Structures are given as C-alpha cells and as structure tokens.
Amino acid sequence: MANKQNNKGVAQGIKETAGAAFHALHSALETTENVAMSAVDAAKSATDNLTGTQNEKGHRNHD
C-alpha cells in the first residue's frame, strides 16, 4: 500500500511540475508577444510621423 501512495505522490509532483513549466512558458510567450506588438506600434508611429499620414481620427499627425 505504501508503494501506491508513493506512486501517487510522484505522479502529483510530475503533474505540478508540468503545470508550473507550462505556466512559465505561457507567461514568457505573452511577454514576447507584448514586446513584439510594442515594436510594431513604434514602427507604425515612426512611419506615420515621417510620412505625415493621418491618425485613426482622420487628423494629420503634423498639422
């Protein structure tokens, strides 16, 4: 009976470790996505400012 309990403890430990690893990976992916989207936004803003294109409300950026 002690062996079954030990196996349950090992299985639970593996499950918790896998869950923690998944959570860490998910968080890292979200951070990467946020950094990438910020870079895209900055590039768009810089392009808009250089070309004088209109913003979302239809106003020119350098009026």
Protein backbone atom coordinates (compact mmCIF):
# COMPACT_ATOMS: atom_id res chain seq x y z
CA MET A 1 0.00 0.00 0.00
CA ALA A 2 2.89 2.35 0.71
CA ASN A 3 4.12 1.88 -2.86
CA LYS A 4 0.76 3.05 -4.28
CA GLN A 5 0.85 6.14 -2.07
CA ASN A 6 4.42 6.85 -3.17
CA ASN A 7 3.41 6.49 -6.84
CA LYS A 8 0.54 8.93 -6.31
CA GLY A 9 2.94 11.39 -4.71
CA VAL A 10 5.39 11.07 -7.61
CA ALA A 11 2.61 11.44 -10.17
CA GLN A 12 1.26 14.52 -8.37
CA GLY A 13 4.75 16.03 -8.28
CA ILE A 14 5.18 15.47 -12.01
CA LYS A 15 1.78 17.00 -12.67
CA GLU A 16 2.57 20.07 -10.58
CA THR A 17 5.99 20.49 -12.21
CA ALA A 18 4.49 20.22 -15.69
CA GLY A 19 1.80 22.73 -14.75
CA ALA A 20 4.38 25.18 -13.43
CA ALA A 21 6.51 24.75 -16.57
CA PHE A 22 3.50 25.34 -18.80
CA HIS A 23 2.57 28.44 -16.81
CA ALA A 24 6.11 29.83 -17.10
CA LEU A 25 6.22 29.15 -20.84
CA HIS A 26 2.81 30.77 -21.35
CA SER A 27 3.94 33.84 -19.43
CA ALA A 28 7.12 34.07 -21.49
CA LEU A 29 5.13 33.84 -24.72
CA GLU A 30 2.79 36.62 -23.58
CA THR A 31 5.78 38.81 -22.73
CA THR A 32 7.30 38.12 -26.15
CA GLU A 33 4.02 38.97 -27.83
CA ASN A 34 3.75 42.25 -25.89
CA VAL A 35 7.29 43.25 -26.83
CA ALA A 36 6.66 42.41 -30.50
CA MET A 37 3.41 44.36 -30.60
CA SER A 38 5.07 47.36 -28.96
CA ALA A 39 7.79 47.24 -31.62
CA VAL A 40 5.15 47.13 -34.36
CA ASP A 41 3.29 50.06 -32.80
CA ALA A 42 6.51 52.07 -32.53
CA ALA A 43 7.43 51.31 -36.14
CA LYS A 44 3.97 52.34 -37.32
CA SER A 45 4.11 55.54 -35.32
CA ALA A 46 7.55 56.39 -36.67
CA THR A 47 6.40 55.70 -40.23
CA ASP A 48 3.27 57.80 -39.76
CA ASN A 49 5.33 60.67 -38.34
CA LEU A 50 7.82 60.52 -41.20
CA THR A 51 5.21 60.33 -43.93
CA GLY A 52 2.69 62.67 -42.33
CA THR A 53 -0.13 60.14 -42.72
CA GLN A 54 -3.39 60.53 -40.89
CA ASN A 55 -4.07 59.06 -37.49
CA GLU A 56 -7.13 56.96 -36.59
CA LYS A 57 -9.37 60.02 -36.13
CA GLY A 58 -8.56 61.32 -39.59
CA HIS A 59 -6.32 64.18 -38.44
CA ARG A 60 -2.91 64.71 -39.93
CA ASN A 61 -0.12 63.97 -37.45
CA HIS A 62 1.81 67.22 -38.17
CA ASP A 63 -0.87 69.87 -38.58
